[in-house]
Amino acid sequence: MTVLANGGTHLSGPVLVIGTGLLGASIGLGLRARGIDVALSDISPSTEAVARDIGAGRRLAEAEAGFAPQLVVVAAPPDVTASLVAQALEDWPSAVVVDIASVKAAVLADLQESGADLSRYVGTHPMAGREKSGPVAALGDLFMSMPWVICAGEHSSPDAVKVAEALAIDLGAVVSRMSAEDHDQSVALISHLPQVMSSLVASRLQETPPAALALAGNGLRDVTRIAASDPKLWVQILSGNAPRLVNILHGVREDLNRLINTLENPTADGARLDMAQLISEGNTGQARIPGKHGTPPQSFVSFTVLVDDTPGQIARLLTEIGEIGVNLEDLRLEHASGREVGRAEISVLPSKMHGLVSALTARGWKVVE
């Protein structure tokens, strides 16, 4: 039986967070909400002060004599992560040290070259974030139900791995275990490639006339949402995982060349079949992305409800769906261009759709199947 410390947490604390940007401050907020003592340290005094002011922890400089953290979390950019981990292992000889950098193999290689004792080190990566950066964007529940990858090295002790997993569990994350190499191969495809493709598409919009942009719907917004990410951070991420990402981009380039060749003569024999195959291949790949509870997205069916753009309408719609007794599986909102009305795309189990549509229609909602 697992005995929880500190009123229901796996960590007993204190915890030292080095780096108080979005993720570091969010970790501090989440742990403080669980009653764990958190100290903060950042190379930028102003960033550290903001993190302290929002309640993410107290300044390390204010810690009492003899302060000895159970855990040190290095939440710094990838290019300085290894040096900060090595320093933390030296400064805090009784603490487990983890990092949360988004690339793992390069950090581990640098640490191995440094000669540091890695028995107390565990590489980790919480798969959570926002387009916004800095402690002002931090959220205490940022990691709730999100994957948190534990990349234990060959020298990581079982006790250190247990503490690293406790951090993820106390923040509400779902623990996943991978080697550093498998992790970097995975994120190159599911995280780094989408960022690159989103940025490339968004870059095409720089000279687009406002009248054309006014026609944009959720498709363009979905594709370009993460293009608002921090360039400085992504330079480090892409550099740190370049070999794995390049291999994927070679495949993308082949597909683009294939499409360009087809579209240069779209009426040629086989051209339409080639276009259809390209879209169909995308269908197949998209269908493999897990949906709610790990189920395929096709497990649900969708319909649209027109919602007046006035205060309280979305809340009323959700309340009435609950009153009807149907569990909402997913919800997407879209504004209708030029009209004071929104479109709420509702996803439910197939067996619930007909009854819900009928009930909402009877209550006066405008439903589009």
Protein backbone atom coordinates (compact mmCIF):
# COMPACT_ATOMS: atom_id res chain seq x y z
CA MET A 1 0.00 0.00 0.00
CA THR A 2 1.28 3.48 -0.89
CA VAL A 3 1.44 5.84 2.08
CA LEU A 4 0.95 9.41 0.93
CA ALA A 5 2.81 12.26 2.57
CA ASN A 6 1.74 15.80 3.30
CA GLY A 7 -2.01 15.30 3.39
CA GLY A 8 -2.49 13.21 0.27
CA THR A 9 0.55 14.00 -1.87
CA HIS A 10 3.26 11.62 -2.99
CA LEU A 11 5.97 14.24 -2.54
CA SER A 12 6.84 15.47 0.92
CA GLY A 13 8.88 18.47 -0.22
CA PRO A 14 10.32 20.92 -0.19
CA VAL A 15 10.73 21.32 -3.94
CA LEU A 16 13.09 23.75 -5.63
CA VAL A 17 12.09 24.95 -9.10
CA ILE A 18 14.92 26.41 -11.17
CA GLY A 19 13.44 28.44 -14.00
CA THR A 20 10.14 30.23 -13.44
CA GLY A 21 8.68 30.57 -16.92
CA LEU A 22 5.34 29.11 -17.95
CA LEU A 23 6.10 25.50 -16.99
CA GLY A 24 8.22 26.18 -13.92
CA ALA A 25 5.68 28.60 -12.47
CA SER A 26 2.84 26.20 -13.31
CA ILE A 27 4.64 23.42 -11.43
CA GLY A 28 5.04 25.75 -8.47
CA LEU A 29 1.38 26.72 -8.51
CA GLY A 30 0.25 23.11 -8.77
CA LEU A 31 2.45 21.91 -5.93
CA ARG A 32 1.59 24.86 -3.69
CA ALA A 33 -2.09 24.05 -4.22
CA ARG A 34 -1.33 20.60 -2.80
CA GLY A 35 0.31 22.11 0.26
CA ILE A 36 3.92 21.42 -0.78
CA ASP A 37 6.62 23.94 0.08
CA VAL A 38 8.15 25.36 -3.12
CA ALA A 39 11.23 27.55 -3.49
CA LEU A 40 11.93 29.41 -6.75
CA SER A 41 15.12 30.40 -8.52
CA ASP A 42 15.54 32.18 -11.84
CA ILE A 43 18.39 33.97 -13.56
CA SER A 44 15.93 36.82 -14.18
CA PRO A 45 14.99 38.59 -10.92
CA SER A 46 11.86 40.08 -12.50
CA THR A 47 10.63 36.71 -13.80
CA GLU A 48 11.27 35.15 -10.40
CA ALA A 49 9.42 38.03 -8.70
CA VAL A 50 6.36 37.58 -10.92
CA ALA A 51 6.30 33.85 -10.20
CA ARG A 52 6.48 34.57 -6.48
CA ASP A 53 3.75 37.22 -6.73
CA ILE A 54 1.31 34.83 -8.42
CA GLY A 55 1.83 32.32 -5.62
CA ALA A 56 4.13 29.79 -7.32
CA GLY A 57 6.50 29.70 -4.34
CA ARG A 58 8.96 31.67 -2.26
CA ARG A 59 12.35 32.93 -3.39
CA LEU A 60 15.25 30.56 -2.77
CA ALA A 61 17.18 33.53 -1.39
CA GLU A 62 14.58 33.74 1.39
CA ALA A 63 14.91 30.08 2.37
CA GLU A 64 16.02 29.28 5.88
CA ALA A 65 19.53 28.07 6.67
CA GLY A 66 19.86 24.38 6.07
CA PHE A 67 17.20 24.34 3.34
CA ALA A 68 17.38 20.88 1.74
CA PRO A 69 14.96 20.12 -1.09
CA GLN A 70 13.64 16.64 -1.63
CA LEU A 71 13.40 17.42 -5.35
CA VAL A 72 14.95 19.97 -7.71
CA VAL A 73 13.07 20.65 -10.94
CA VAL A 74 15.14 22.27 -13.69
CA ALA A 75 12.63 24.10 -15.90
CA ALA A 76 15.06 25.96 -18.14
CA PRO A 77 15.61 26.23 -21.91
CA PRO A 78 17.15 23.11 -23.49
CA ASP A 79 20.52 24.71 -24.26
CA VAL A 80 21.30 25.32 -20.57
CA THR A 81 19.42 22.39 -19.04
CA ALA A 82 22.37 20.00 -18.77
CA SER A 83 24.65 22.54 -17.08
CA LEU A 84 21.92 23.51 -14.59
CA VAL A 85 21.17 19.85 -13.80
CA ALA A 86 24.87 19.15 -13.19
CA GLN A 87 25.12 22.19 -10.93
CA ALA A 88 21.98 21.20 -9.02
CA LEU A 89 23.33 17.67 -8.45
CA GLU A 90 26.43 19.25 -6.94
CA ASP A 91 24.63 21.93 -4.91
CA TRP A 92 21.96 19.65 -3.44
CA PRO A 93 23.61 16.29 -2.70
CA SER A 94 20.54 14.76 -1.05
CA ALA A 95 18.01 15.84 -3.68
CA VAL A 96 16.63 14.08 -6.71
CA VAL A 97 17.06 16.31 -9.78
CA VAL A 98 14.74 16.19 -12.78
CA ASP A 99 14.51 18.35 -15.86
CA ILE A 100 11.46 19.04 -18.03
CA ALA A 101 13.19 19.96 -21.29
CA SER A 102 11.37 18.93 -24.45
CA VAL A 103 14.42 17.09 -25.85
CA LYS A 104 16.01 14.34 -23.81
CA ALA A 105 18.81 12.55 -25.66
CA ALA A 106 20.99 15.64 -26.12
CA VAL A 107 20.60 16.62 -22.45
CA LEU A 108 21.48 13.11 -21.30
CA ALA A 109 24.53 12.97 -23.58
CA ASP A 110 25.82 16.29 -22.24
CA LEU A 111 25.35 15.12 -18.66
CA GLN A 112 27.17 11.86 -19.32
CA GLU A 113 30.09 13.83 -20.76
CA SER A 114 30.14 16.08 -17.68
CA GLY A 115 30.93 13.15 -15.42
CA ALA A 116 28.11 14.05 -13.00
CA ASP A 117 26.67 11.37 -10.70
CA LEU A 118 23.44 10.56 -12.54
CA SER A 119 21.97 8.16 -9.99
CA ARG A 120 19.85 11.04 -8.63
CA TYR A 121 18.90 12.41 -12.08
CA VAL A 122 15.82 11.57 -14.14
CA GLY A 123 14.93 13.19 -17.43
CA THR A 124 11.23 14.00 -17.80
CA HIS A 125 8.97 15.87 -20.19
CA PRO A 126 5.42 17.06 -19.40
CA MET A 127 3.45 17.14 -22.66
CA ALA A 128 1.62 20.33 -21.81
CA GLY A 129 2.00 23.98 -22.59
CA ARG A 130 0.42 27.10 -24.03
CA GLU A 131 1.14 29.48 -26.88
CA LYS A 132 1.69 32.15 -24.21
CA SER A 133 4.93 32.23 -22.26
CA GLY A 134 6.21 33.49 -18.93
CA PRO A 135 4.91 33.10 -15.38
CA VAL A 136 1.92 35.37 -16.02
CA ALA A 137 0.52 32.61 -18.26
CA ALA A 138 1.06 29.88 -15.64
CA LEU A 139 -1.79 27.62 -14.55
CA GLY A 140 -1.83 25.34 -11.54
CA ASP A 141 -3.85 22.73 -13.43
CA LEU A 142 -1.79 22.93 -16.65
CA PHE A 143 -0.66 19.30 -16.36
CA MET A 144 -3.97 17.80 -15.29
CA SER A 145 -4.66 14.60 -17.28
CA MET A 146 -1.78 15.38 -19.67
CA PRO A 147 1.01 12.87 -20.45
CA TRP A 148 4.23 13.27 -18.50
CA VAL A 149 7.07 11.20 -19.95
CA ILE A 150 9.64 9.71 -17.59
CA CYS A 151 12.93 8.98 -19.38
CA ALA A 152 14.95 7.19 -16.72
CA GLY A 153 18.56 6.66 -17.72
CA GLU A 154 20.58 3.53 -17.05
CA HIS A 155 22.12 5.19 -14.00
CA SER A 156 18.87 6.54 -12.50
CA SER A 157 18.20 4.89 -9.14
CA PRO A 158 14.77 3.36 -8.45
CA ASP A 159 14.22 5.89 -5.65
CA ALA A 160 14.97 8.79 -8.00
CA VAL A 161 12.54 7.43 -10.59
CA LYS A 162 9.88 7.08 -7.89
CA VAL A 163 10.29 10.74 -6.89
CA ALA A 164 10.13 11.87 -10.54
CA GLU A 165 6.91 9.93 -11.03
CA ALA A 166 5.53 11.38 -7.80
CA LEU A 167 5.95 14.88 -9.20
CA ALA A 168 3.88 14.03 -12.25
CA ILE A 169 1.22 12.23 -10.22
CA ASP A 170 0.86 15.06 -7.69
CA LEU A 171 0.29 17.49 -10.57
CA GLY A 172 -2.46 15.29 -11.99
CA ALA A 173 -0.52 14.10 -15.03
CA VAL A 174 -0.57 10.65 -16.61
CA VAL A 175 2.82 8.97 -16.34
CA SER A 176 4.37 7.46 -19.46
CA ARG A 177 7.76 5.77 -19.65
CA MET A 178 10.18 5.89 -22.61
CA SER A 179 13.87 5.88 -23.33
CA ALA A 180 15.35 9.26 -24.22
CA GLU A 181 15.81 8.20 -27.84
CA ASP A 182 12.25 6.87 -28.21
CA HIS A 183 10.95 10.06 -26.65
CA ASP A 184 12.83 12.29 -29.07
CA GLN A 185 11.74 10.23 -32.06
CA SER A 186 8.12 10.48 -30.89
CA VAL A 187 8.03 14.22 -30.19
CA ALA A 188 9.74 14.97 -33.50
CA LEU A 189 6.62 13.66 -35.20
CA ILE A 190 3.78 14.52 -32.84
CA SER A 191 5.04 17.90 -31.55
CA HIS A 192 7.94 19.38 -33.50
CA LEU A 193 6.62 18.64 -36.99
CA PRO A 194 3.19 20.21 -36.26
CA GLN A 195 4.94 23.34 -34.97
CA VAL A 196 7.03 23.64 -38.12
CA MET A 197 4.08 23.04 -40.44
CA SER A 198 1.88 25.49 -38.52
CA SER A 199 4.56 28.17 -38.70
CA LEU A 200 5.10 27.58 -42.42
CA VAL A 201 1.39 27.94 -43.17
CA ALA A 202 1.06 31.04 -40.97
CA SER A 203 4.07 32.64 -42.64
CA ARG A 204 2.09 32.65 -45.91
CA LEU A 205 -0.38 35.04 -44.26
CA GLN A 206 2.05 37.91 -43.71
CA GLU A 207 1.04 39.79 -46.86
CA THR A 208 -2.52 38.49 -47.11
CA PRO A 209 -5.13 41.26 -47.64
CA PRO A 210 -7.44 41.78 -44.64
CA ALA A 211 -10.48 41.05 -46.83
CA ALA A 212 -9.15 37.57 -47.51
CA LEU A 213 -8.34 36.93 -43.84
CA ALA A 214 -11.89 37.96 -42.93
CA LEU A 215 -13.05 34.80 -44.70
CA ALA A 216 -10.97 32.56 -42.42
CA GLY A 217 -12.76 29.86 -40.48
CA ASN A 218 -11.76 27.34 -37.86
CA GLY A 219 -9.72 25.36 -40.38
CA LEU A 220 -7.09 28.08 -40.71
CA ARG A 221 -7.25 28.89 -37.00
CA ASP A 222 -6.74 25.25 -36.06
CA VAL A 223 -3.77 24.83 -38.38
CA THR A 224 -2.05 28.07 -37.33
CA ARG A 225 -2.88 28.17 -33.59
CA ILE A 226 0.53 26.99 -32.40
CA ALA A 227 2.31 29.31 -34.83
CA ALA A 228 2.03 31.90 -32.04
CA SER A 229 4.66 30.01 -30.02
CA ASP A 230 7.88 31.54 -28.68
CA PRO A 231 10.55 31.66 -31.46
CA LYS A 232 13.49 31.70 -29.02
CA LEU A 233 12.36 28.49 -27.34
CA TRP A 234 11.63 26.73 -30.61
CA VAL A 235 15.05 27.54 -32.04
CA GLN A 236 16.51 25.51 -29.17
CA ILE A 237 14.00 22.69 -29.46
CA LEU A 238 14.43 22.30 -33.22
CA SER A 239 18.21 22.48 -32.92
CA GLY A 240 18.26 19.90 -30.14
CA ASN A 241 16.17 17.39 -32.09
CA ALA A 242 17.25 18.29 -35.62
CA PRO A 243 18.45 14.84 -36.84
CA ARG A 244 15.15 13.14 -36.03
CA LEU A 245 13.01 15.97 -37.40
CA VAL A 246 15.02 16.19 -40.63
CA ASN A 247 14.23 12.55 -41.44
CA ILE A 248 10.52 13.29 -41.13
CA LEU A 249 10.78 16.48 -43.16
CA HIS A 250 12.42 14.53 -45.97
CA GLY A 251 9.22 12.48 -46.17
CA VAL A 252 7.09 15.62 -46.11
CA ARG A 253 9.18 17.07 -48.91
CA GLU A 254 8.57 13.96 -51.02
CA ASP A 255 4.82 14.29 -50.48
CA LEU A 256 4.91 18.01 -51.34
CA ASN A 257 6.87 17.35 -54.52
CA ARG A 258 4.39 14.66 -55.45
CA LEU A 259 1.46 17.04 -54.90
CA ILE A 260 3.14 19.89 -56.78
CA ASN A 261 3.82 17.64 -59.75
CA THR A 262 0.19 16.52 -59.75
CA LEU A 263 -1.26 20.03 -59.46
CA GLU A 264 0.94 21.37 -62.24
CA ASN A 265 -1.15 19.19 -64.56
CA PRO A 266 -4.35 18.44 -62.61
CA THR A 267 -6.23 17.03 -65.61
CA ALA A 268 -3.58 14.48 -66.55
CA ASP A 269 -4.39 10.79 -66.35
CA GLY A 270 -4.20 9.64 -62.74
CA ALA A 271 -3.96 13.16 -61.31
CA ARG A 272 -7.32 13.08 -59.56
CA LEU A 273 -6.59 9.62 -58.18
CA ASP A 274 -3.30 10.89 -56.79
CA MET A 275 -5.06 13.82 -55.08
CA ALA A 276 -7.65 11.47 -53.62
CA GLN A 277 -4.96 9.12 -52.35
CA LEU A 278 -3.12 11.98 -50.66
CA ILE A 279 -6.26 13.12 -48.83
CA SER A 280 -7.17 9.52 -48.01
CA GLU A 281 -3.74 8.92 -46.50
CA GLY A 282 -4.38 11.94 -44.29
CA ASN A 283 -7.75 10.47 -43.30
CA THR A 284 -6.03 7.25 -42.25
CA GLY A 285 -3.39 9.03 -40.20
CA GLN A 286 -5.87 11.37 -38.51
CA ALA A 287 -8.10 8.44 -37.55
CA ARG A 288 -5.23 6.93 -35.56
CA ILE A 289 -5.04 9.89 -33.16
CA PRO A 290 -6.68 8.78 -29.91
CA GLY A 291 -9.80 10.65 -28.87
CA LYS A 292 -11.46 10.87 -25.47
CA HIS A 293 -10.53 7.97 -23.17
CA GLY A 294 -8.19 6.71 -25.89
CA THR A 295 -11.06 5.90 -28.26
CA PRO A 296 -10.88 6.74 -31.98
CA PRO A 297 -12.52 10.08 -32.94
CA GLN A 298 -14.91 8.15 -35.17
CA SER A 299 -16.52 6.75 -32.02
CA PHE A 300 -18.51 10.00 -31.82
CA VAL A 301 -20.91 11.79 -34.16
CA SER A 302 -21.33 15.54 -34.47
CA PHE A 303 -23.97 18.12 -35.23
CA THR A 304 -24.06 21.92 -35.07
CA VAL A 305 -26.21 24.20 -32.95
CA LEU A 306 -26.56 27.87 -33.93
CA VAL A 307 -26.05 30.07 -30.86
CA ASP A 308 -26.84 33.79 -30.60
CA ASP A 309 -23.76 35.85 -29.76
CA THR A 310 -25.13 37.11 -26.46
CA PRO A 311 -23.96 36.51 -22.88
CA GLY A 312 -24.97 33.21 -21.31
CA GLN A 313 -26.03 31.36 -24.45
CA ILE A 314 -23.24 28.76 -24.42
CA ALA A 315 -23.78 28.18 -20.70
CA ARG A 316 -27.51 27.70 -21.33
CA LEU A 317 -26.86 25.24 -24.14
CA LEU A 318 -24.51 23.14 -22.01
CA THR A 319 -26.90 23.25 -19.06
CA GLU A 320 -29.79 22.03 -21.20
CA ILE A 321 -27.72 19.21 -22.67
CA GLY A 322 -27.03 18.14 -19.09
CA GLU A 323 -30.72 18.40 -18.21
CA ILE A 324 -31.55 16.19 -21.19
CA GLY A 325 -29.18 13.63 -19.69
CA VAL A 326 -26.59 13.32 -22.46
CA ASN A 327 -22.85 13.32 -21.82
CA LEU A 328 -21.00 15.80 -24.04
CA GLU A 329 -17.94 14.13 -25.61
CA ASP A 330 -16.49 17.21 -27.34
CA LEU A 331 -17.34 20.84 -28.11
CA ARG A 332 -15.96 23.21 -30.75
CA LEU A 333 -16.98 26.84 -31.17
CA GLU A 334 -16.84 28.91 -34.34
CA HIS A 335 -18.01 32.41 -35.16
CA ALA A 336 -20.11 32.96 -38.26
CA SER A 337 -18.35 35.68 -40.23
CA GLY A 338 -20.40 38.87 -40.52
CA ARG A 339 -23.24 37.62 -38.29
CA GLU A 340 -23.89 37.88 -34.57
CA VAL A 341 -24.21 34.14 -34.22
CA GLY A 342 -21.89 31.32 -33.29
CA ARG A 343 -21.77 27.68 -34.28
CA ALA A 344 -21.33 25.09 -31.55
CA GLU A 345 -20.24 21.72 -32.89
CA ILE A 346 -21.45 19.07 -30.46
CA SER A 347 -19.98 15.54 -30.40
CA VAL A 348 -21.81 12.70 -28.66
CA LEU A 349 -22.07 8.92 -28.82
CA PRO A 350 -24.01 7.77 -31.92
CA SER A 351 -26.75 6.23 -29.78
CA LYS A 352 -27.42 9.62 -28.13
CA MET A 353 -27.51 11.85 -31.19
CA HIS A 354 -31.11 11.45 -32.41
CA GLY A 355 -32.65 11.94 -28.97
CA LEU A 356 -30.46 14.94 -28.19
CA VAL A 357 -31.17 16.64 -31.54
CA SER A 358 -34.91 16.14 -31.05
CA ALA A 359 -34.83 17.43 -27.49
CA LEU A 360 -32.78 20.51 -28.36
CA THR A 361 -35.03 21.30 -31.32
CA ALA A 362 -38.08 21.02 -29.08
CA ARG A 363 -36.47 23.54 -26.72
CA GLY A 364 -36.08 26.05 -29.54
CA TRP A 365 -32.46 25.55 -30.54
CA LYS A 366 -31.55 25.74 -34.23
CA VAL A 367 -29.84 22.45 -35.04
CA VAL A 368 -27.95 21.67 -38.24
CA GLU A 369 -27.17 17.99 -38.77
